């Protein structure tokens, strides 16, 4: 049994890595969803639309910045589709598209 332990550990690590890779979304598809659904508020530069920020009395964080990038994928998904205190829920985005948007946001990391 002892000589199979390293092989077992390697198998577990490989399985975990593959499951993470398959669970991740497609950043290119996420960019398309972002442009159609998110860009009007969060801007083409990912820093937020100043007029919307002023009218809602909120501060948009740069999606490439540390405040957003340190969020877990689950928290990003929740924040992306809302609702939040000032944000109405986003409709028409499938769970797969949401995974893609999160992958796109991760690809922006500075």
N, C-alpha and C. Protein backbone atom coordinates (compact mmCIF):
# COMPACT_ATOMS: atom_id res chain seq x y z
N UNK A 1 0.82 -1.20 0.00
CA UNK A 1 0.00 0.00 0.00
C UNK A 1 0.86 1.26 0.00
N UNK A 2 1.97 1.24 0.70
CA UNK A 2 2.81 2.42 0.82
C UNK A 2 3.34 2.86 -0.54
N UNK A 3 3.69 1.93 -1.42
CA UNK A 3 4.24 2.37 -2.70
C UNK A 3 3.17 2.91 -3.63
N UNK A 4 1.91 2.69 -3.34
CA UNK A 4 0.84 3.24 -4.16
C UNK A 4 0.36 4.61 -3.66
N UNK A 5 0.80 4.98 -2.48
CA UNK A 5 0.36 6.25 -1.89
C UNK A 5 0.74 7.45 -2.77
N UNK A 6 1.98 7.58 -3.26
CA UNK A 6 2.30 8.73 -4.13
C UNK A 6 1.45 8.74 -5.40
N UNK A 7 1.19 7.57 -5.95
CA UNK A 7 0.36 7.49 -7.15
C UNK A 7 -1.07 7.94 -6.85
N UNK A 8 -1.59 7.53 -5.70
CA UNK A 8 -2.93 7.93 -5.28
C UNK A 8 -3.00 9.45 -5.11
N UNK A 9 -2.00 10.02 -4.46
CA UNK A 9 -1.96 11.47 -4.24
C UNK A 9 -1.90 12.20 -5.58
N UNK A 10 -1.09 11.71 -6.50
CA UNK A 10 -0.99 12.30 -7.83
C UNK A 10 -2.35 12.24 -8.54
N UNK A 11 -3.04 11.13 -8.43
CA UNK A 11 -4.35 10.97 -9.05
C UNK A 11 -5.35 11.97 -8.47
N UNK A 12 -5.36 12.13 -7.16
CA UNK A 12 -6.29 13.05 -6.51
C UNK A 12 -6.01 14.49 -6.95
N UNK A 13 -4.74 14.88 -6.99
CA UNK A 13 -4.37 16.24 -7.40
C UNK A 13 -4.77 16.46 -8.87
N UNK A 14 -4.49 15.49 -9.73
CA UNK A 14 -4.85 15.61 -11.15
C UNK A 14 -6.36 15.73 -11.32
N UNK A 15 -7.11 14.93 -10.59
CA UNK A 15 -8.58 14.99 -10.67
C UNK A 15 -9.09 16.35 -10.23
N UNK A 16 -8.53 16.87 -9.15
CA UNK A 16 -8.94 18.19 -8.66
C UNK A 16 -8.64 19.26 -9.69
N UNK A 17 -7.46 19.25 -10.26
CA UNK A 17 -7.08 20.25 -11.26
C UNK A 17 -7.99 20.18 -12.49
N UNK A 18 -8.31 18.98 -12.93
CA UNK A 18 -9.19 18.82 -14.08
C UNK A 18 -10.59 19.32 -13.76
N UNK A 19 -11.08 19.05 -12.58
CA UNK A 19 -12.43 19.49 -12.23
C UNK A 19 -12.50 21.01 -12.14
N UNK A 20 -11.45 21.65 -11.66
CA UNK A 20 -11.41 23.11 -11.60
C UNK A 20 -11.36 23.68 -13.01
N UNK A 21 -10.58 23.07 -13.88
CA UNK A 21 -10.47 23.54 -15.26
C UNK A 21 -11.80 23.43 -15.98
N UNK A 22 -12.52 22.34 -15.78
CA UNK A 22 -13.80 22.16 -16.45
C UNK A 22 -14.88 23.04 -15.83
N UNK A 23 -14.75 23.38 -14.57
CA UNK A 23 -15.76 24.20 -13.91
C UNK A 23 -15.64 25.66 -14.31
N UNK A 24 -14.44 26.07 -14.71
CA UNK A 24 -14.23 27.46 -15.08
C UNK A 24 -14.97 27.79 -16.37
N UNK A 25 -15.38 29.03 -16.47
CA UNK A 25 -16.08 29.47 -17.67
C UNK A 25 -15.12 29.88 -18.76
N UNK A 26 -15.69 30.35 -19.85
CA UNK A 26 -14.95 30.78 -21.03
C UNK A 26 -14.88 32.31 -21.01
N UNK A 27 -13.67 32.85 -20.84
CA UNK A 27 -13.50 34.30 -20.72
C UNK A 27 -13.93 35.03 -21.98
N UNK A 28 -13.71 34.46 -23.16
CA UNK A 28 -14.11 35.11 -24.41
C UNK A 28 -15.63 35.23 -24.49
N UNK A 29 -16.32 34.17 -24.12
CA UNK A 29 -17.79 34.23 -24.10
C UNK A 29 -18.26 35.19 -23.01
N UNK A 30 -17.55 35.19 -21.89
CA UNK A 30 -17.88 36.10 -20.80
C UNK A 30 -17.76 37.56 -21.21
N UNK A 31 -16.77 37.87 -22.04
CA UNK A 31 -16.61 39.24 -22.54
C UNK A 31 -17.83 39.65 -23.35
N UNK A 32 -18.34 38.73 -24.17
CA UNK A 32 -19.54 39.02 -24.97
C UNK A 32 -20.74 39.30 -24.07
N UNK A 33 -20.92 38.47 -23.05
CA UNK A 33 -22.03 38.68 -22.11
C UNK A 33 -21.84 40.00 -21.38
N UNK A 34 -20.62 40.29 -20.95
CA UNK A 34 -20.32 41.55 -20.26
C UNK A 34 -20.71 42.73 -21.14
N UNK A 35 -20.30 42.68 -22.41
CA UNK A 35 -20.58 43.80 -23.31
C UNK A 35 -22.08 44.01 -23.51
N UNK A 36 -22.84 42.94 -23.54
CA UNK A 36 -24.29 43.05 -23.75
C UNK A 36 -25.05 43.41 -22.48
N UNK A 37 -24.58 42.89 -21.34
CA UNK A 37 -25.38 42.96 -20.12
C UNK A 37 -24.81 43.89 -19.06
N UNK A 38 -23.52 43.97 -18.94
CA UNK A 38 -22.89 44.65 -17.80
C UNK A 38 -22.26 46.00 -18.13
N UNK A 39 -21.84 46.14 -19.38
CA UNK A 39 -21.03 47.30 -19.77
C UNK A 39 -21.75 48.63 -19.60
N UNK A 40 -23.06 48.65 -19.76
CA UNK A 40 -23.77 49.94 -19.65
C UNK A 40 -23.59 50.57 -18.27
N UNK A 41 -23.45 49.74 -17.24
CA UNK A 41 -23.24 50.27 -15.88
C UNK A 41 -21.76 50.25 -15.48
N UNK A 42 -21.07 49.18 -15.83
CA UNK A 42 -19.68 49.02 -15.38
C UNK A 42 -18.65 49.57 -16.35
N UNK A 43 -19.08 49.98 -17.54
CA UNK A 43 -18.21 50.65 -18.49
C UNK A 43 -17.30 49.74 -19.28
N UNK A 44 -16.90 50.25 -20.43
CA UNK A 44 -15.98 49.51 -21.30
C UNK A 44 -14.61 49.37 -20.65
N UNK A 45 -14.28 50.32 -19.77
CA UNK A 45 -12.99 50.28 -19.08
C UNK A 45 -13.06 49.54 -17.75
N UNK A 46 -14.25 48.99 -17.42
CA UNK A 46 -14.48 48.20 -16.21
C UNK A 46 -14.40 49.00 -14.92
N UNK A 47 -14.45 50.32 -15.03
CA UNK A 47 -14.31 51.17 -13.84
C UNK A 47 -15.63 51.80 -13.42
N UNK A 48 -16.69 51.54 -14.17
CA UNK A 48 -18.00 52.06 -13.80
C UNK A 48 -18.39 53.30 -14.57
N UNK A 49 -19.67 53.43 -14.81
CA UNK A 49 -20.24 54.57 -15.49
C UNK A 49 -20.44 55.69 -14.46
N UNK A 50 -19.74 56.81 -14.58
CA UNK A 50 -19.83 57.87 -13.58
C UNK A 50 -21.24 58.42 -13.38
N UNK A 51 -22.00 58.54 -14.46
CA UNK A 51 -23.36 59.08 -14.36
C UNK A 51 -24.25 58.15 -13.54
N UNK A 52 -24.13 56.86 -13.76
CA UNK A 52 -24.93 55.89 -13.00
C UNK A 52 -24.47 55.86 -11.55
N UNK A 53 -23.17 55.90 -11.34
CA UNK A 53 -22.64 55.91 -9.97
C UNK A 53 -23.19 57.12 -9.20
N UNK A 54 -23.22 58.28 -9.86
CA UNK A 54 -23.70 59.49 -9.21
C UNK A 54 -25.19 59.39 -8.92
N UNK A 55 -25.97 58.90 -9.88
CA UNK A 55 -27.42 58.84 -9.67
C UNK A 55 -27.80 57.82 -8.60
N UNK A 56 -27.06 56.74 -8.50
CA UNK A 56 -27.35 55.72 -7.48
C UNK A 56 -26.62 55.98 -6.17
N UNK A 57 -25.73 56.97 -6.18
CA UNK A 57 -24.90 57.29 -5.01
C UNK A 57 -24.11 56.07 -4.55
N UNK A 58 -23.40 55.47 -5.53
CA UNK A 58 -22.55 54.31 -5.26
C UNK A 58 -21.17 54.56 -5.83
N UNK A 59 -20.24 53.76 -5.42
CA UNK A 59 -18.89 53.79 -5.97
C UNK A 59 -18.66 52.47 -6.68
N UNK A 60 -18.30 52.55 -7.94
CA UNK A 60 -17.95 51.35 -8.68
C UNK A 60 -16.46 51.07 -8.46
N UNK A 61 -16.15 49.83 -8.21
CA UNK A 61 -14.75 49.43 -8.09
C UNK A 61 -14.28 48.92 -9.45
N UNK A 62 -13.04 49.20 -9.77
CA UNK A 62 -12.44 48.70 -10.99
C UNK A 62 -12.48 47.17 -10.94
N UNK A 63 -13.08 46.53 -11.94
CA UNK A 63 -13.20 45.08 -11.93
C UNK A 63 -11.85 44.37 -12.01
N UNK A 64 -10.83 45.09 -12.47
CA UNK A 64 -9.49 44.51 -12.53
C UNK A 64 -8.72 44.73 -11.23
N UNK A 65 -9.26 45.55 -10.36
CA UNK A 65 -8.56 45.93 -9.13
C UNK A 65 -8.67 44.90 -8.02
N UNK A 66 -7.91 45.10 -6.98
CA UNK A 66 -7.83 44.12 -5.89
C UNK A 66 -9.14 43.93 -5.11
N UNK A 67 -9.96 44.98 -5.00
CA UNK A 67 -11.21 44.84 -4.25
C UNK A 67 -12.11 43.78 -4.87
N UNK A 68 -12.16 43.76 -6.18
CA UNK A 68 -13.01 42.80 -6.89
C UNK A 68 -12.30 41.47 -7.05
N UNK A 69 -11.03 41.49 -7.40
CA UNK A 69 -10.30 40.25 -7.68
C UNK A 69 -10.14 39.36 -6.45
N UNK A 70 -10.18 39.95 -5.26
CA UNK A 70 -10.03 39.12 -4.06
C UNK A 70 -11.34 38.42 -3.68
N UNK A 71 -12.44 38.80 -4.32
CA UNK A 71 -13.74 38.17 -4.04
C UNK A 71 -13.75 36.72 -4.53
N UNK A 72 -14.48 35.87 -3.83
CA UNK A 72 -14.62 34.49 -4.28
C UNK A 72 -15.51 34.46 -5.53
N UNK A 73 -15.44 33.38 -6.27
CA UNK A 73 -16.28 33.25 -7.46
C UNK A 73 -17.76 33.32 -7.07
N UNK A 74 -18.11 32.69 -5.96
CA UNK A 74 -19.51 32.71 -5.51
C UNK A 74 -19.96 34.14 -5.20
N UNK A 75 -19.11 34.91 -4.55
CA UNK A 75 -19.46 36.30 -4.24
C UNK A 75 -19.55 37.15 -5.51
N UNK A 76 -18.66 36.90 -6.47
CA UNK A 76 -18.73 37.61 -7.74
C UNK A 76 -20.04 37.30 -8.47
N UNK A 77 -20.43 36.04 -8.44
CA UNK A 77 -21.69 35.66 -9.09
C UNK A 77 -22.87 36.35 -8.43
N UNK A 78 -22.88 36.36 -7.10
CA UNK A 78 -23.97 37.02 -6.37
C UNK A 78 -24.02 38.51 -6.70
N UNK A 79 -22.86 39.14 -6.68
CA UNK A 79 -22.81 40.57 -6.97
C UNK A 79 -23.16 40.87 -8.43
N UNK A 80 -22.82 39.95 -9.32
CA UNK A 80 -23.06 40.16 -10.74
C UNK A 80 -24.54 40.14 -11.10
N UNK A 81 -25.28 39.22 -10.52
CA UNK A 81 -26.68 39.11 -10.91
C UNK A 81 -27.62 39.81 -9.95
N UNK A 82 -27.13 40.19 -8.76
CA UNK A 82 -27.96 40.91 -7.82
C UNK A 82 -29.11 40.05 -7.31
N UNK A 83 -30.06 40.61 -6.68
CA UNK A 83 -30.11 42.03 -6.36
C UNK A 83 -29.21 42.38 -5.19
N UNK A 84 -28.83 43.63 -5.17
CA UNK A 84 -28.10 44.17 -4.02
C UNK A 84 -28.90 45.37 -3.52
N UNK A 85 -28.34 46.09 -2.59
CA UNK A 85 -29.04 47.23 -2.01
C UNK A 85 -29.50 48.23 -3.08
N UNK A 86 -28.64 48.50 -4.05
CA UNK A 86 -28.95 49.50 -5.07
C UNK A 86 -29.13 48.90 -6.47
N UNK A 87 -28.86 47.64 -6.62
CA UNK A 87 -28.87 47.01 -7.94
C UNK A 87 -30.07 46.09 -8.09
N UNK A 88 -30.77 46.26 -9.19
CA UNK A 88 -31.88 45.37 -9.50
C UNK A 88 -31.30 44.05 -10.00
N UNK A 89 -32.06 42.96 -9.87
CA UNK A 89 -31.54 41.68 -10.36
C UNK A 89 -31.38 41.68 -11.88
N UNK A 90 -30.33 41.06 -12.33
CA UNK A 90 -30.08 40.92 -13.77
C UNK A 90 -30.80 39.68 -14.24
N UNK A 91 -31.59 39.83 -15.28
CA UNK A 91 -32.36 38.70 -15.79
C UNK A 91 -31.80 38.26 -17.14
N UNK A 92 -32.05 37.00 -17.46
CA UNK A 92 -31.66 36.49 -18.77
C UNK A 92 -30.23 36.01 -18.89
N UNK A 93 -29.54 35.84 -17.77
CA UNK A 93 -28.17 35.33 -17.78
C UNK A 93 -28.20 33.93 -17.19
N UNK A 94 -27.78 32.95 -17.99
CA UNK A 94 -27.79 31.56 -17.54
C UNK A 94 -26.64 31.31 -16.57
N UNK A 95 -26.70 30.22 -15.81
CA UNK A 95 -25.58 29.89 -14.93
C UNK A 95 -24.26 29.71 -15.69
N UNK A 96 -24.33 29.16 -16.89
CA UNK A 96 -23.12 28.98 -17.70
C UNK A 96 -22.55 30.34 -18.12
N UNK A 97 -23.44 31.25 -18.51
CA UNK A 97 -22.99 32.59 -18.88
C UNK A 97 -22.39 33.32 -17.68
N UNK A 98 -22.96 33.09 -16.53
CA UNK A 98 -22.42 33.70 -15.31
C UNK A 98 -21.02 33.18 -15.01
N UNK A 99 -20.79 31.89 -15.21
CA UNK A 99 -19.44 31.33 -15.07
C UNK A 99 -18.49 32.00 -16.06
N UNK A 100 -18.98 32.23 -17.28
CA UNK A 100 -18.16 32.88 -18.31
C UNK A 100 -17.81 34.31 -17.91
N UNK A 101 -18.77 35.04 -17.35
CA UNK A 101 -18.53 36.42 -16.92
C UNK A 101 -17.49 36.45 -15.80
N UNK A 102 -17.61 35.53 -14.87
CA UNK A 102 -16.63 35.46 -13.78
C UNK A 102 -15.23 35.17 -14.35
N UNK A 103 -15.15 34.27 -15.31
CA UNK A 103 -13.85 33.99 -15.95
C UNK A 103 -13.32 35.24 -16.65
N UNK A 104 -14.20 35.98 -17.28
CA UNK A 104 -13.77 37.23 -17.94
C UNK A 104 -13.26 38.23 -16.91
N UNK A 105 -13.98 38.39 -15.82
CA UNK A 105 -13.55 39.31 -14.77
C UNK A 105 -12.18 38.89 -14.23
N UNK A 106 -12.00 37.59 -14.03
CA UNK A 106 -10.69 37.10 -13.55
C UNK A 106 -9.58 37.39 -14.55
N UNK A 107 -9.91 37.39 -15.84
CA UNK A 107 -8.90 37.64 -16.87
C UNK A 107 -8.43 39.09 -16.87
N UNK A 108 -9.16 39.96 -16.21
CA UNK A 108 -8.83 41.39 -16.16
C UNK A 108 -7.78 41.72 -15.11
N UNK A 109 -7.50 40.77 -14.23
CA UNK A 109 -6.63 41.02 -13.08
C UNK A 109 -5.34 41.71 -13.50
N UNK A 110 -5.01 42.77 -12.76
CA UNK A 110 -3.79 43.55 -13.07
C UNK A 110 -2.55 42.82 -12.61
